[in-house]
Amino acid sequence: MRMLSFEDRLKYEAARELGLLPRLMQVGWAGLTAAESGRIGGKVGAIKRKKRD
């Protein structure tokens, strides 16, 4: 089993916080809509800013 990178852990954390983790597990990253991916990306940025402060 490979370890997830810091970035990957953030993406999964963001998906979980947004309630998208079950869908992500079902369809994978490529199956998400652009809007869903954008929401995850926005949340990752917010998490990074919060952890940096």
PDB file of N, CA and C in Angstrom:
ATOM      1  N   MET A   1       0.852  -1.182   0.000  1.00  0.00           N
ATOM      2  CA  MET A   1       0.000   0.000   0.000  1.00  0.00           C
ATOM      3  C   MET A   1       0.895   1.242   0.000  1.00  0.00           C
ATOM      4  N   ARG A   2       0.611   2.169  -0.894  1.00  0.00           N
ATOM      5  CA  ARG A   2       1.442   3.366  -0.971  1.00  0.00           C
ATOM      6  C   ARG A   2       0.866   4.463  -0.091  1.00  0.00           C
ATOM      7  N   MET A   3       1.762   5.271   0.429  1.00  0.00           N
ATOM      8  CA  MET A   3       1.352   6.399   1.268  1.00  0.00           C
ATOM      9  C   MET A   3       0.872   7.537   0.375  1.00  0.00           C
ATOM     10  N   LEU A   4      -0.142   8.243   0.844  1.00  0.00           N
ATOM     11  CA  LEU A   4      -0.635   9.395   0.102  1.00  0.00           C
ATOM     12  C   LEU A   4       0.263  10.589   0.370  1.00  0.00           C
ATOM     13  N   SER A   5       0.442  11.399  -0.649  1.00  0.00           N
ATOM     14  CA  SER A   5       1.209  12.627  -0.475  1.00  0.00           C
ATOM     15  C   SER A   5       0.380  13.626   0.342  1.00  0.00           C
ATOM     16  N   PHE A   6       1.028  14.662   0.803  1.00  0.00           N
ATOM     17  CA  PHE A   6       0.346  15.715   1.548  1.00  0.00           C
ATOM     18  C   PHE A   6      -0.790  16.304   0.720  1.00  0.00           C
ATOM     19  N   GLU A   7      -0.525  16.552  -0.557  1.00  0.00           N
ATOM     20  CA  GLU A   7      -1.545  17.121  -1.451  1.00  0.00           C
ATOM     21  C   GLU A   7      -2.743  16.180  -1.595  1.00  0.00           C
ATOM     22  N   ASP A   8      -2.478  14.888  -1.768  1.00  0.00           N
ATOM     23  CA  ASP A   8      -3.565  13.921  -1.904  1.00  0.00           C
ATOM     24  C   ASP A   8      -4.397  13.845  -0.633  1.00  0.00           C
ATOM     25  N   ARG A   9      -3.729  13.875   0.517  1.00  0.00           N
ATOM     26  CA  ARG A   9      -4.474  13.852   1.790  1.00  0.00           C
ATOM     27  C   ARG A   9      -5.373  15.069   1.908  1.00  0.00           C
ATOM     28  N   LEU A  10      -4.870  16.229   1.470  1.00  0.00           N
ATOM     29  CA  LEU A  10      -5.696  17.441   1.505  1.00  0.00           C
ATOM     30  C   LEU A  10      -6.921  17.306   0.611  1.00  0.00           C
ATOM     31  N   LYS A  11      -6.741  16.740  -0.578  1.00  0.00           N
ATOM     32  CA  LYS A  11      -7.871  16.579  -1.499  1.00  0.00           C
ATOM     33  C   LYS A  11      -8.936  15.667  -0.911  1.00  0.00           C
ATOM     34  N   TYR A  12      -8.518  14.566  -0.311  1.00  0.00           N
ATOM     35  CA  TYR A  12      -9.483  13.655   0.307  1.00  0.00           C
ATOM     36  C   TYR A  12     -10.162  14.305   1.508  1.00  0.00           C
ATOM     37  N   GLU A  13      -9.404  15.060   2.294  1.00  0.00           N
ATOM     38  CA  GLU A  13      -9.985  15.770   3.438  1.00  0.00           C
ATOM     39  C   GLU A  13     -11.030  16.776   2.966  1.00  0.00           C
ATOM     40  N   ALA A  14     -10.712  17.510   1.904  1.00  0.00           N
ATOM     41  CA  ALA A  14     -11.648  18.496   1.355  1.00  0.00           C
ATOM     42  C   ALA A  14     -12.899  17.804   0.826  1.00  0.00           C
ATOM     43  N   ALA A  15     -12.737  16.711   0.108  1.00  0.00           N
ATOM     44  CA  ALA A  15     -13.887  15.974  -0.423  1.00  0.00           C
ATOM     45  C   ALA A  15     -14.780  15.493   0.713  1.00  0.00           C
ATOM     46  N   ARG A  16     -14.163  15.015   1.800  1.00  0.00           N
ATOM     47  CA  ARG A  16     -14.940  14.548   2.953  1.00  0.00           C
ATOM     48  C   ARG A  16     -15.721  15.702   3.568  1.00  0.00           C
ATOM     49  N   GLU A  17     -15.068  16.847   3.766  1.00  0.00           N
ATOM     50  CA  GLU A  17     -15.720  18.006   4.368  1.00  0.00           C
ATOM     51  C   GLU A  17     -16.877  18.511   3.517  1.00  0.00           C
ATOM     52  N   LEU A  18     -16.766  18.357   2.206  1.00  0.00           N
ATOM     53  CA  LEU A  18     -17.821  18.816   1.294  1.00  0.00           C
ATOM     54  C   LEU A  18     -18.906  17.768   1.069  1.00  0.00           C
ATOM     55  N   GLY A  19     -18.748  16.605   1.665  1.00  0.00           N
ATOM     56  CA  GLY A  19     -19.734  15.537   1.480  1.00  0.00           C
ATOM     57  C   GLY A  19     -19.598  14.815   0.157  1.00  0.00           C
ATOM     58  N   LEU A  20     -18.459  14.961  -0.505  1.00  0.00           N
ATOM     59  CA  LEU A  20     -18.246  14.359  -1.826  1.00  0.00           C
ATOM     60  C   LEU A  20     -17.451  13.056  -1.766  1.00  0.00           C
ATOM     61  N   LEU A  21     -17.014  12.654  -0.587  1.00  0.00           N
ATOM     62  CA  LEU A  21     -16.171  11.463  -0.491  1.00  0.00           C
ATOM     63  C   LEU A  21     -16.879  10.197  -0.982  1.00  0.00           C
ATOM     64  N   PRO A  22     -18.148   9.964  -0.615  1.00  0.00           N
ATOM     65  CA  PRO A  22     -18.808   8.753  -1.147  1.00  0.00           C
ATOM     66  C   PRO A  22     -18.863   8.736  -2.679  1.00  0.00           C
ATOM     67  N   ARG A  23     -19.162   9.881  -3.275  1.00  0.00           N
ATOM     68  CA  ARG A  23     -19.208   9.964  -4.745  1.00  0.00           C
ATOM     69  C   ARG A  23     -17.814   9.740  -5.324  1.00  0.00           C
ATOM     70  N   LEU A  24     -16.813  10.324  -4.700  1.00  0.00           N
ATOM     71  CA  LEU A  24     -15.435  10.156  -5.159  1.00  0.00           C
ATOM     72  C   LEU A  24     -15.038   8.683  -5.128  1.00  0.00           C
ATOM     73  N   MET A  25     -15.392   7.995  -4.062  1.00  0.00           N
ATOM     74  CA  MET A  25     -15.059   6.571  -3.950  1.00  0.00           C
ATOM     75  C   MET A  25     -15.802   5.750  -5.013  1.00  0.00           C
ATOM     76  N   GLN A  26     -16.977   6.204  -5.386  1.00  0.00           N
ATOM     77  CA  GLN A  26     -17.785   5.477  -6.374  1.00  0.00           C
ATOM     78  C   GLN A  26     -17.289   5.703  -7.800  1.00  0.00           C
ATOM     79  N   VAL A  27     -17.001   6.965  -8.160  1.00  0.00           N
ATOM     80  CA  VAL A  27     -16.687   7.277  -9.565  1.00  0.00           C
ATOM     81  C   VAL A  27     -15.228   7.615  -9.815  1.00  0.00           C
ATOM     82  N   GLY A  28     -14.453   7.868  -8.769  1.00  0.00           N
ATOM     83  CA  GLY A  28     -13.052   8.246  -8.936  1.00  0.00           C
ATOM     84  C   GLY A  28     -12.912   9.712  -9.294  1.00  0.00           C
ATOM     85  N   TRP A  29     -11.670  10.180  -9.306  1.00  0.00           N
ATOM     86  CA  TRP A  29     -11.419  11.595  -9.587  1.00  0.00           C
ATOM     87  C   TRP A  29     -11.909  11.990 -10.971  1.00  0.00           C
ATOM     88  N   ALA A  30     -11.731  11.140 -11.965  1.00  0.00           N
ATOM     89  CA  ALA A  30     -12.113  11.468 -13.340  1.00  0.00           C
ATOM     90  C   ALA A  30     -13.627  11.529 -13.515  1.00  0.00           C
ATOM     91  N   GLY A  31     -14.372  10.930 -12.616  1.00  0.00           N
ATOM     92  CA  GLY A  31     -15.826  10.911 -12.718  1.00  0.00           C
ATOM     93  C   GLY A  31     -16.509  12.112 -12.092  1.00  0.00           C
ATOM     94  N   LEU A  32     -15.747  12.937 -11.399  1.00  0.00           N
ATOM     95  CA  LEU A  32     -16.336  14.130 -10.787  1.00  0.00           C
ATOM     96  C   LEU A  32     -16.596  15.197 -11.851  1.00  0.00           C
ATOM     97  N   THR A  33     -17.604  16.017 -11.599  1.00  0.00           N
ATOM     98  CA  THR A  33     -17.881  17.120 -12.521  1.00  0.00           C
ATOM     99  C   THR A  33     -16.851  18.222 -12.300  1.00  0.00           C
ATOM    100  N   ALA A  34     -16.787  19.142 -13.242  1.00  0.00           N
ATOM    101  CA  ALA A  34     -15.877  20.276 -13.104  1.00  0.00           C
ATOM    102  C   ALA A  34     -16.243  21.094 -11.875  1.00  0.00           C
ATOM    103  N   ALA A  35     -17.518  21.245 -11.610  1.00  0.00           N
ATOM    104  CA  ALA A  35     -17.959  22.014 -10.441  1.00  0.00           C
ATOM    105  C   ALA A  35     -17.524  21.334  -9.146  1.00  0.00           C
ATOM    106  N   GLU A  36     -17.670  20.020  -9.082  1.00  0.00           N
ATOM    107  CA  GLU A  36     -17.251  19.285  -7.886  1.00  0.00           C
ATOM    108  C   GLU A  36     -15.743  19.390  -7.691  1.00  0.00           C
ATOM    109  N   SER A  37     -14.995  19.231  -8.769  1.00  0.00           N
ATOM    110  CA  SER A  37     -13.540  19.346  -8.691  1.00  0.00           C
ATOM    111  C   SER A  37     -13.135  20.752  -8.258  1.00  0.00           C
ATOM    112  N   GLY A  38     -13.825  21.744  -8.776  1.00  0.00           N
ATOM    113  CA  GLY A  38     -13.541  23.123  -8.405  1.00  0.00           C
ATOM    114  C   GLY A  38     -13.821  23.393  -6.941  1.00  0.00           C
ATOM    115  N   ARG A  39     -14.902  22.827  -6.429  1.00  0.00           N
ATOM    116  CA  ARG A  39     -15.214  22.989  -5.009  1.00  0.00           C
ATOM    117  C   ARG A  39     -14.125  22.364  -4.149  1.00  0.00           C
ATOM    118  N   ILE A  40     -13.656  21.188  -4.559  1.00  0.00           N
ATOM    119  CA  ILE A  40     -12.582  20.524  -3.817  1.00  0.00           C
ATOM    120  C   ILE A  40     -11.317  21.373  -3.875  1.00  0.00           C
ATOM    121  N   GLY A  41     -10.981  21.879  -5.056  1.00  0.00           N
ATOM    122  CA  GLY A  41      -9.794  22.720  -5.194  1.00  0.00           C
ATOM    123  C   GLY A  41      -9.867  23.978  -4.344  1.00  0.00           C
ATOM    124  N   GLY A  42     -11.029  24.582  -4.305  1.00  0.00           N
ATOM    125  CA  GLY A  42     -11.219  25.776  -3.477  1.00  0.00           C
ATOM    126  C   GLY A  42     -11.052  25.463  -2.001  1.00  0.00           C
ATOM    127  N   LYS A  43     -11.584  24.326  -1.603  1.00  0.00           N
ATOM    128  CA  LYS A  43     -11.476  23.909  -0.207  1.00  0.00           C
ATOM    129  C   LYS A  43     -10.032  23.579   0.150  1.00  0.00           C
ATOM    130  N   VAL A  44      -9.303  22.950  -0.768  1.00  0.00           N
ATOM    131  CA  VAL A  44      -7.883  22.637  -0.532  1.00  0.00           C
ATOM    132  C   VAL A  44      -7.119  23.944  -0.298  1.00  0.00           C
ATOM    133  N   GLY A  45      -7.387  24.947  -1.115  1.00  0.00           N
ATOM    134  CA  GLY A  45      -6.732  26.241  -0.932  1.00  0.00           C
ATOM    135  C   GLY A  45      -7.043  26.849   0.425  1.00  0.00           C
ATOM    136  N   ALA A  46      -8.284  26.746   0.848  1.00  0.00           N
ATOM    137  CA  ALA A  46      -8.675  27.276   2.155  1.00  0.00           C
ATOM    138  C   ALA A  46      -7.987  26.506   3.282  1.00  0.00           C
ATOM    139  N   ILE A  47      -7.898  25.190   3.151  1.00  0.00           N
ATOM    140  CA  ILE A  47      -7.224  24.372   4.166  1.00  0.00           C
ATOM    141  C   ILE A  47      -5.751  24.744   4.240  1.00  0.00           C
ATOM    142  N   LYS A  48      -5.107  24.926   3.082  1.00  0.00           N
ATOM    143  CA  LYS A  48      -3.690  25.302   3.057  1.00  0.00           C
ATOM    144  C   LYS A  48      -3.469  26.650   3.736  1.00  0.00           C
ATOM    145  N   ARG A  49      -4.341  27.605   3.434  1.00  0.00           N
ATOM    146  CA  ARG A  49      -4.201  28.927   4.058  1.00  0.00           C
ATOM    147  C   ARG A  49      -4.387  28.832   5.573  1.00  0.00           C
ATOM    148  N   LYS A  50      -5.353  28.035   5.990  1.00  0.00           N
ATOM    149  CA  LYS A  50      -5.640  27.882   7.429  1.00  0.00           C
ATOM    150  C   LYS A  50      -4.460  27.213   8.134  1.00  0.00           C
ATOM    151  N   LYS A  51      -3.879  26.176   7.531  1.00  0.00           N
ATOM    152  CA  LYS A  51      -2.755  25.462   8.147  1.00  0.00           C
ATOM    153  C   LYS A  51      -1.503  26.326   8.168  1.00  0.00           C
ATOM    154  N   ARG A  52      -1.371  27.222   7.200  1.00  0.00           N
ATOM    155  CA  ARG A  52      -0.195  28.085   7.105  1.00  0.00           C
ATOM    156  C   ARG A  52      -0.198  29.147   8.202  1.00  0.00           C
ATOM    157  N   ASP A  53      -1.374  29.621   8.560  1.00  0.00           N
ATOM    158  CA  ASP A  53      -1.484  30.690   9.574  1.00  0.00           C
ATOM    159  C   ASP A  53      -1.260  30.189  10.971  1.00  0.00           C
TER     160      ASP A  53
END
